[in-house]
Amino acid sequence: MSKLILYTRPDGGVSIVVPTPETLAKFETEDDAIAHVRGRSVPDDATKIRVIDRSAIPEKRTFRNAWVDGTDKAVTDRSKASAIHMNRIREVRNAELAKEDINFQKAIEADDASAKTAVATKKQTLRDIPQNFDLSGASTDDELDALWPSELPERD
């Protein structure tokens, strides 16, 4: 199975339909299976519908929600990918802020002014990550995915 159906959704993103092995087995040729799947699985509001080779989509799916139609293949829209990545960073940052809330509560209970100041400073640093962390230097999906704020825990 080397052929897929790529179409553009009304929101500008792309979707890809992959015929299942069961569907392929029902037809004599891959082209017949693709035609069948296209008629059943591509929504009426789809545009730029075409059959592409599997090699025309990015190998890694890290930013698949940022894929757009690149004329002859699916490509990653850098600004959409950056927004997706920043949202992932925010999720981790928010978890770290919640942990610091506990530390701040402990500092209040202990009436430790220096601990309260340290926690407040760390929380402000975490809050500032979306405004201060620069993703613009990444030109590929891998480069973008590799960018991670040093203030956050390492990713697995």
N, C-alpha and C. Protein backbone atom coordinates (compact mmCIF):
# COMPACT_ATOMS: atom_id res chain seq x y z
N MET A 1 0.85 -1.17 0.00
CA MET A 1 0.00 0.00 0.00
C MET A 1 0.89 1.23 0.00
N SER A 2 0.89 1.90 -1.11
CA SER A 2 1.75 3.07 -1.19
C SER A 2 0.97 4.35 -1.46
N LYS A 3 -0.33 4.24 -1.74
CA LYS A 3 -1.11 5.42 -2.07
C LYS A 3 -2.03 5.80 -0.91
N LEU A 4 -2.16 7.12 -0.75
CA LEU A 4 -3.01 7.70 0.29
C LEU A 4 -3.85 8.79 -0.35
N ILE A 5 -4.87 9.22 0.35
CA ILE A 5 -5.67 10.35 -0.11
C ILE A 5 -5.39 11.52 0.81
N LEU A 6 -5.01 12.63 0.22
CA LEU A 6 -4.76 13.86 0.97
C LEU A 6 -5.81 14.87 0.56
N TYR A 7 -6.43 15.52 1.54
CA TYR A 7 -7.38 16.58 1.22
C TYR A 7 -7.26 17.70 2.22
N THR A 8 -7.67 18.88 1.79
CA THR A 8 -7.63 20.06 2.64
C THR A 8 -9.00 20.24 3.29
N ARG A 9 -8.96 20.42 4.62
CA ARG A 9 -10.18 20.67 5.39
C ARG A 9 -10.55 22.15 5.30
N PRO A 10 -11.77 22.51 5.66
CA PRO A 10 -12.17 23.92 5.65
C PRO A 10 -11.30 24.80 6.54
N ASP A 11 -10.69 24.23 7.61
CA ASP A 11 -9.84 25.04 8.50
C ASP A 11 -8.44 25.26 7.92
N GLY A 12 -8.17 24.72 6.74
CA GLY A 12 -6.86 24.92 6.09
C GLY A 12 -5.87 23.80 6.35
N GLY A 13 -6.14 22.97 7.34
CA GLY A 13 -5.27 21.83 7.61
C GLY A 13 -5.55 20.71 6.62
N VAL A 14 -4.72 19.71 6.67
CA VAL A 14 -4.93 18.58 5.77
C VAL A 14 -5.26 17.33 6.58
N SER A 15 -5.99 16.46 5.94
CA SER A 15 -6.26 15.14 6.49
C SER A 15 -5.78 14.12 5.48
N ILE A 16 -5.43 12.96 5.99
CA ILE A 16 -4.94 11.90 5.13
C ILE A 16 -5.76 10.65 5.42
N VAL A 17 -6.22 10.04 4.37
CA VAL A 17 -7.00 8.81 4.48
C VAL A 17 -6.14 7.67 3.96
N VAL A 18 -6.00 6.65 4.78
CA VAL A 18 -5.20 5.48 4.43
C VAL A 18 -6.15 4.29 4.29
N PRO A 19 -6.20 3.68 3.12
CA PRO A 19 -7.06 2.50 2.98
C PRO A 19 -6.57 1.37 3.89
N THR A 20 -7.50 0.69 4.52
CA THR A 20 -7.13 -0.42 5.40
C THR A 20 -6.75 -1.64 4.56
N PRO A 21 -5.97 -2.54 5.12
CA PRO A 21 -5.64 -3.77 4.38
C PRO A 21 -6.89 -4.55 3.97
N GLU A 22 -7.92 -4.51 4.83
CA GLU A 22 -9.17 -5.20 4.50
C GLU A 22 -9.83 -4.59 3.27
N THR A 23 -9.81 -3.27 3.19
CA THR A 23 -10.39 -2.60 2.02
C THR A 23 -9.58 -2.93 0.77
N LEU A 24 -8.27 -2.87 0.89
CA LEU A 24 -7.42 -3.18 -0.26
C LEU A 24 -7.67 -4.60 -0.77
N ALA A 25 -7.92 -5.52 0.13
CA ALA A 25 -8.12 -6.91 -0.25
C ALA A 25 -9.43 -7.12 -1.02
N LYS A 26 -10.37 -6.20 -0.87
CA LYS A 26 -11.66 -6.33 -1.55
C LYS A 26 -11.61 -5.93 -3.03
N PHE A 27 -10.53 -5.29 -3.44
CA PHE A 27 -10.46 -4.76 -4.80
C PHE A 27 -9.29 -5.37 -5.55
N GLU A 28 -9.42 -5.41 -6.86
CA GLU A 28 -8.37 -5.99 -7.69
C GLU A 28 -7.12 -5.12 -7.73
N THR A 29 -7.32 -3.79 -7.74
CA THR A 29 -6.16 -2.90 -7.80
C THR A 29 -6.22 -1.89 -6.68
N GLU A 30 -5.06 -1.35 -6.37
CA GLU A 30 -4.98 -0.30 -5.35
C GLU A 30 -5.77 0.93 -5.80
N ASP A 31 -5.74 1.24 -7.09
CA ASP A 31 -6.48 2.39 -7.61
C ASP A 31 -7.98 2.23 -7.40
N ASP A 32 -8.50 1.01 -7.58
CA ASP A 32 -9.92 0.76 -7.33
C ASP A 32 -10.25 0.97 -5.85
N ALA A 33 -9.38 0.49 -4.99
CA ALA A 33 -9.59 0.66 -3.54
C ALA A 33 -9.55 2.13 -3.17
N ILE A 34 -8.60 2.87 -3.73
CA ILE A 34 -8.50 4.31 -3.45
C ILE A 34 -9.77 5.03 -3.90
N ALA A 35 -10.27 4.70 -5.08
CA ALA A 35 -11.49 5.34 -5.58
C ALA A 35 -12.67 5.05 -4.64
N HIS A 36 -12.76 3.82 -4.17
CA HIS A 36 -13.83 3.45 -3.23
C HIS A 36 -13.71 4.25 -1.93
N VAL A 37 -12.52 4.27 -1.37
CA VAL A 37 -12.29 4.98 -0.10
C VAL A 37 -12.54 6.47 -0.26
N ARG A 38 -12.09 7.01 -1.37
CA ARG A 38 -12.29 8.45 -1.61
C ARG A 38 -13.78 8.79 -1.60
N GLY A 39 -14.58 7.97 -2.23
CA GLY A 39 -16.01 8.22 -2.28
C GLY A 39 -16.70 8.09 -0.93
N ARG A 40 -16.16 7.28 -0.06
CA ARG A 40 -16.79 7.04 1.24
C ARG A 40 -16.20 7.85 2.39
N SER A 41 -14.92 8.22 2.30
CA SER A 41 -14.23 8.77 3.47
C SER A 41 -13.84 10.24 3.38
N VAL A 42 -13.94 10.81 2.20
CA VAL A 42 -13.57 12.22 2.05
C VAL A 42 -14.83 13.06 2.19
N PRO A 43 -14.86 14.00 3.14
CA PRO A 43 -16.07 14.80 3.36
C PRO A 43 -16.39 15.71 2.17
N ASP A 44 -17.64 16.08 2.07
CA ASP A 44 -18.10 16.92 0.96
C ASP A 44 -17.45 18.29 0.94
N ASP A 45 -17.07 18.81 2.11
CA ASP A 45 -16.48 20.15 2.16
C ASP A 45 -14.96 20.14 1.97
N ALA A 46 -14.39 18.99 1.66
CA ALA A 46 -12.94 18.89 1.43
C ALA A 46 -12.59 19.52 0.08
N THR A 47 -11.40 20.10 0.04
CA THR A 47 -10.90 20.67 -1.22
C THR A 47 -9.52 20.09 -1.50
N LYS A 48 -9.02 20.36 -2.68
CA LYS A 48 -7.68 19.90 -3.09
C LYS A 48 -7.51 18.41 -2.79
N ILE A 49 -8.44 17.62 -3.22
CA ILE A 49 -8.40 16.18 -2.96
C ILE A 49 -7.47 15.54 -3.99
N ARG A 50 -6.52 14.78 -3.50
CA ARG A 50 -5.66 14.07 -4.45
C ARG A 50 -5.06 12.82 -3.85
N VAL A 51 -4.66 11.97 -4.74
CA VAL A 51 -4.00 10.74 -4.36
C VAL A 51 -2.50 11.00 -4.38
N ILE A 52 -1.84 10.65 -3.29
CA ILE A 52 -0.40 10.88 -3.18
C ILE A 52 0.29 9.59 -2.76
N ASP A 53 1.57 9.58 -2.91
CA ASP A 53 2.37 8.45 -2.45
C ASP A 53 2.65 8.63 -0.96
N ARG A 54 2.75 7.54 -0.24
CA ARG A 54 3.03 7.57 1.20
C ARG A 54 4.27 8.41 1.51
N SER A 55 5.25 8.42 0.63
CA SER A 55 6.48 9.18 0.87
C SER A 55 6.26 10.69 0.83
N ALA A 56 5.06 11.14 0.44
CA ALA A 56 4.77 12.57 0.35
C ALA A 56 4.25 13.16 1.66
N ILE A 57 4.25 12.36 2.72
CA ILE A 57 3.87 12.90 4.03
C ILE A 57 5.10 12.81 4.94
N PRO A 58 5.23 13.74 5.88
CA PRO A 58 6.37 13.69 6.79
C PRO A 58 6.43 12.35 7.54
N GLU A 59 7.63 11.86 7.71
CA GLU A 59 7.81 10.57 8.38
C GLU A 59 7.39 10.66 9.85
N LYS A 60 7.82 11.73 10.52
CA LYS A 60 7.43 11.93 11.92
C LYS A 60 6.11 12.67 11.97
N ARG A 61 5.27 12.26 12.89
CA ARG A 61 3.94 12.85 13.01
C ARG A 61 3.84 13.85 14.17
N THR A 62 4.97 14.28 14.69
CA THR A 62 4.98 15.17 15.85
C THR A 62 4.08 16.39 15.67
N PHE A 63 4.11 16.98 14.49
CA PHE A 63 3.33 18.19 14.24
C PHE A 63 2.27 17.96 13.16
N ARG A 64 1.67 16.78 13.15
CA ARG A 64 0.71 16.45 12.09
C ARG A 64 -0.48 17.40 12.07
N ASN A 65 -0.82 18.00 13.20
CA ASN A 65 -1.93 18.95 13.22
C ASN A 65 -1.54 20.30 12.62
N ALA A 66 -0.29 20.43 12.22
CA ALA A 66 0.18 21.65 11.55
C ALA A 66 0.46 21.39 10.07
N TRP A 67 0.14 20.22 9.59
CA TRP A 67 0.37 19.92 8.17
C TRP A 67 -0.59 20.71 7.30
N VAL A 68 -0.07 21.19 6.18
CA VAL A 68 -0.87 21.88 5.17
C VAL A 68 -0.50 21.31 3.81
N ASP A 69 -1.28 21.65 2.82
CA ASP A 69 -1.04 21.15 1.46
C ASP A 69 0.12 21.92 0.84
N GLY A 70 1.17 21.20 0.52
CA GLY A 70 2.34 21.81 -0.08
C GLY A 70 2.44 21.53 -1.56
N THR A 71 1.36 21.56 -2.28
CA THR A 71 1.23 21.32 -3.71
C THR A 71 1.37 19.85 -4.07
N ASP A 72 2.50 19.24 -3.78
CA ASP A 72 2.65 17.83 -4.14
C ASP A 72 2.89 16.95 -2.92
N LYS A 73 2.78 17.54 -1.73
CA LYS A 73 2.99 16.76 -0.51
C LYS A 73 2.46 17.55 0.69
N ALA A 74 2.34 16.86 1.81
CA ALA A 74 1.96 17.52 3.06
C ALA A 74 3.23 18.12 3.67
N VAL A 75 3.15 19.38 4.06
CA VAL A 75 4.28 20.05 4.69
C VAL A 75 3.81 20.67 6.01
N THR A 76 4.75 20.97 6.87
CA THR A 76 4.43 21.54 8.17
C THR A 76 4.40 23.06 8.08
N ASP A 77 3.29 23.63 8.50
CA ASP A 77 3.18 25.09 8.62
C ASP A 77 3.94 25.47 9.89
N ARG A 78 5.03 26.20 9.74
CA ARG A 78 5.91 26.49 10.86
C ARG A 78 5.20 27.25 11.97
N SER A 79 4.34 28.21 11.65
CA SER A 79 3.69 28.97 12.74
C SER A 79 2.69 28.09 13.49
N LYS A 80 1.97 27.21 12.79
CA LYS A 80 1.07 26.29 13.47
C LYS A 80 1.85 25.31 14.34
N ALA A 81 2.96 24.81 13.82
CA ALA A 81 3.78 23.87 14.59
C ALA A 81 4.35 24.55 15.83
N SER A 82 4.77 25.79 15.70
CA SER A 82 5.29 26.54 16.85
C SER A 82 4.21 26.71 17.91
N ALA A 83 2.99 26.99 17.49
CA ALA A 83 1.88 27.14 18.45
C ALA A 83 1.60 25.81 19.16
N ILE A 84 1.63 24.71 18.42
CA ILE A 84 1.44 23.39 19.03
C ILE A 84 2.53 23.12 20.05
N HIS A 85 3.78 23.41 19.67
CA HIS A 85 4.90 23.14 20.57
C HIS A 85 4.83 24.03 21.81
N MET A 86 4.46 25.29 21.63
CA MET A 86 4.35 26.19 22.78
C MET A 86 3.24 25.73 23.71
N ASN A 87 2.17 25.18 23.17
CA ASN A 87 1.10 24.65 24.03
C ASN A 87 1.60 23.45 24.84
N ARG A 88 2.46 22.63 24.25
CA ARG A 88 3.05 21.52 25.00
C ARG A 88 3.94 22.05 26.12
N ILE A 89 4.69 23.08 25.81
CA ILE A 89 5.54 23.72 26.83
C ILE A 89 4.67 24.28 27.95
N ARG A 90 3.57 24.94 27.60
CA ARG A 90 2.66 25.50 28.61
C ARG A 90 2.09 24.42 29.52
N GLU A 91 1.76 23.25 28.96
CA GLU A 91 1.22 22.17 29.79
C GLU A 91 2.22 21.77 30.87
N VAL A 92 3.47 21.61 30.49
CA VAL A 92 4.50 21.23 31.47
C VAL A 92 4.73 22.38 32.44
N ARG A 93 4.77 23.60 31.91
CA ARG A 93 4.95 24.78 32.76
C ARG A 93 3.84 24.89 33.79
N ASN A 94 2.61 24.63 33.38
CA ASN A 94 1.47 24.72 34.30
C ASN A 94 1.58 23.70 35.42
N ALA A 95 2.06 22.51 35.09
CA ALA A 95 2.26 21.48 36.13
C ALA A 95 3.34 21.93 37.11
N GLU A 96 4.38 22.56 36.60
CA GLU A 96 5.44 23.07 37.48
C GLU A 96 4.94 24.21 38.35
N LEU A 97 4.09 25.06 37.82
CA LEU A 97 3.50 26.14 38.62
C LEU A 97 2.65 25.55 39.77
N ALA A 98 1.92 24.50 39.47
CA ALA A 98 1.11 23.86 40.51
C ALA A 98 1.99 23.30 41.62
N LYS A 99 3.13 22.72 41.26
CA LYS A 99 4.06 22.21 42.27
C LYS A 99 4.59 23.36 43.14
N GLU A 100 4.85 24.48 42.50
CA GLU A 100 5.36 25.63 43.27
C GLU A 100 4.29 26.21 44.19
N ASP A 101 3.03 26.06 43.84
CA ASP A 101 1.95 26.49 44.75
C ASP A 101 2.06 25.75 46.08
N ILE A 102 2.39 24.46 46.02
CA ILE A 102 2.55 23.66 47.23
C ILE A 102 3.75 24.18 48.04
N ASN A 103 4.84 24.45 47.34
CA ASN A 103 6.03 24.97 48.03
C ASN A 103 5.75 26.33 48.66
N PHE A 104 4.95 27.15 47.99
CA PHE A 104 4.62 28.46 48.54
C PHE A 104 3.76 28.31 49.80
N GLN A 105 2.82 27.38 49.74
CA GLN A 105 1.97 27.14 50.92
C GLN A 105 2.82 26.68 52.11
N LYS A 106 3.78 25.80 51.85
CA LYS A 106 4.67 25.35 52.92
C LYS A 106 5.48 26.51 53.48
N ALA A 107 5.94 27.42 52.62
CA ALA A 107 6.71 28.58 53.08
C ALA A 107 5.84 29.50 53.93
N ILE A 108 4.57 29.64 53.58
CA ILE A 108 3.65 30.45 54.37
C ILE A 108 3.46 29.81 55.74
N GLU A 109 3.23 28.50 55.75
CA GLU A 109 3.02 27.80 57.01
C GLU A 109 4.24 27.89 57.91
N ALA A 110 5.43 27.89 57.32
CA ALA A 110 6.66 27.98 58.11
C ALA A 110 7.05 29.43 58.38
N ASP A 111 6.28 30.37 57.81
CA ASP A 111 6.59 31.80 57.93
C ASP A 111 8.03 32.07 57.51
N ASP A 112 8.42 31.49 56.38
CA ASP A 112 9.78 31.61 55.85
C ASP A 112 9.77 32.61 54.69
N ALA A 113 10.14 33.84 54.98
CA ALA A 113 10.10 34.91 53.99
C ALA A 113 11.04 34.64 52.80
N SER A 114 12.23 34.11 53.06
CA SER A 114 13.16 33.86 51.95
C SER A 114 12.64 32.74 51.04
N ALA A 115 12.00 31.73 51.60
CA ALA A 115 11.43 30.65 50.78
C ALA A 115 10.26 31.19 49.95
N LYS A 116 9.44 32.07 50.55
CA LYS A 116 8.33 32.66 49.80
C LYS A 116 8.87 33.48 48.62
N THR A 117 9.92 34.23 48.86
CA THR A 117 10.52 35.04 47.79
C THR A 117 11.09 34.15 46.69
N ALA A 118 11.77 33.08 47.07
CA ALA A 118 12.35 32.16 46.09
C ALA A 118 11.27 31.50 45.23
N VAL A 119 10.19 31.09 45.88
CA VAL A 119 9.10 30.46 45.13
C VAL A 119 8.43 31.48 44.21
N ALA A 120 8.20 32.68 44.71
CA ALA A 120 7.58 33.72 43.89
C ALA A 120 8.44 34.04 42.67
N THR A 121 9.75 34.08 42.86
CA THR A 121 10.66 34.35 41.75
C THR A 121 10.61 33.22 40.72
N LYS A 122 10.61 31.98 41.21
CA LYS A 122 10.56 30.83 40.30
C LYS A 122 9.24 30.81 39.53
N LYS A 123 8.14 31.09 40.23
CA LYS A 123 6.84 31.10 39.56
C LYS A 123 6.79 32.18 38.48
N GLN A 124 7.38 33.33 38.75
CA GLN A 124 7.38 34.39 37.74
C GLN A 124 8.20 33.98 36.52
N THR A 125 9.33 33.31 36.77
CA THR A 125 10.16 32.81 35.68
C THR A 125 9.36 31.82 34.83
N LEU A 126 8.62 30.94 35.48
CA LEU A 126 7.79 29.98 34.75
C LEU A 126 6.69 30.68 33.97
N ARG A 127 6.05 31.67 34.58
CA ARG A 127 4.99 32.41 33.88
C ARG A 127 5.52 33.12 32.64
N ASP A 128 6.76 33.55 32.69
CA ASP A 128 7.35 34.32 31.59
C ASP A 128 7.82 33.47 30.41
N ILE A 129 7.84 32.17 30.56
CA ILE A 129 8.36 31.30 29.49
C ILE A 129 7.68 31.56 28.15
N PRO A 130 6.35 31.59 28.05
CA PRO A 130 5.74 31.79 26.73
C PRO A 130 6.14 33.11 26.05
N GLN A 131 6.38 34.13 26.83
CA GLN A 131 6.77 35.41 26.25
C GLN A 131 8.26 35.48 25.92
N ASN A 132 9.06 34.75 26.67
CA ASN A 132 10.51 34.87 26.53
C ASN A 132 11.19 33.76 25.74
N PHE A 133 10.53 32.61 25.59
CA PHE A 133 11.19 31.48 24.94
C PHE A 133 11.01 31.59 23.43
N ASP A 134 12.11 31.63 22.71
CA ASP A 134 12.11 31.88 21.27
C ASP A 134 12.13 30.58 20.47
N LEU A 135 11.09 30.37 19.69
CA LEU A 135 11.01 29.20 18.83
C LEU A 135 11.32 29.54 17.36
N SER A 136 11.59 30.80 17.09
CA SER A 136 11.72 31.24 15.70
C SER A 136 12.96 30.71 14.98
N GLY A 137 13.96 30.25 15.70
CA GLY A 137 15.17 29.77 15.06
C GLY A 137 15.06 28.39 14.44
N ALA A 138 13.96 27.70 14.69
CA ALA A 138 13.81 26.33 14.18
C ALA A 138 13.31 26.37 12.74
N SER A 139 14.00 25.65 11.87
CA SER A 139 13.56 25.60 10.47
C SER A 139 13.04 24.22 10.07
N THR A 140 13.18 23.24 10.94
CA THR A 140 12.65 21.90 10.66
C THR A 140 11.84 21.42 11.86
N ASP A 141 11.05 20.39 11.63
CA ASP A 141 10.27 19.81 12.72
C ASP A 141 11.17 19.31 13.84
N ASP A 142 12.26 18.65 13.49
CA ASP A 142 13.17 18.13 14.50
C ASP A 142 13.81 19.24 15.31
N GLU A 143 14.22 20.33 14.64
CA GLU A 143 14.81 21.46 15.36
C GLU A 143 13.80 22.08 16.32
N LEU A 144 12.56 22.24 15.86
CA LEU A 144 11.53 22.81 16.71
C LEU A 144 11.26 21.91 17.91
N ASP A 145 11.13 20.62 17.66
CA ASP A 145 10.85 19.68 18.73
C ASP A 145 11.98 19.63 19.76
N ALA A 146 13.21 19.91 19.32
CA ALA A 146 14.36 19.88 20.23
C ALA A 146 14.43 21.09 21.15
N LEU A 147 13.76 22.18 20.78
CA LEU A 147 13.79 23.38 21.61
C LEU A 147 12.95 23.16 22.86
N TRP A 148 13.56 23.36 24.01
CA TRP A 148 12.86 23.15 25.28
C TRP A 148 13.45 24.07 26.33
N PRO A 149 12.63 24.77 27.08
CA PRO A 149 13.13 25.71 28.09
C PRO A 149 13.94 25.00 29.18
N SER A 150 15.05 25.56 29.54
CA SER A 150 15.90 24.96 30.58
C SER A 150 15.23 25.04 31.96
N GLU A 151 14.25 25.92 32.10
CA GLU A 151 13.55 26.07 33.39
C GLU A 151 12.58 24.92 33.66
N LEU A 152 12.31 24.12 32.64
CA LEU A 152 11.38 23.01 32.79
C LEU A 152 12.13 21.69 32.87
N PRO A 153 11.50 20.68 33.44
CA PRO A 153 12.16 19.36 33.51
C PRO A 153 12.43 18.82 32.10
N GLU A 154 13.45 18.01 31.99
CA GLU A 154 13.77 17.37 30.72
C GLU A 154 12.61 16.47 30.31
N ARG A 155 12.42 16.36 29.01
CA ARG A 155 11.37 15.46 28.49
C ARG A 155 11.93 14.05 28.36
N ASP A 156 11.02 13.08 28.41
CA ASP A 156 11.43 11.69 28.21
C ASP A 156 11.67 11.39 26.77
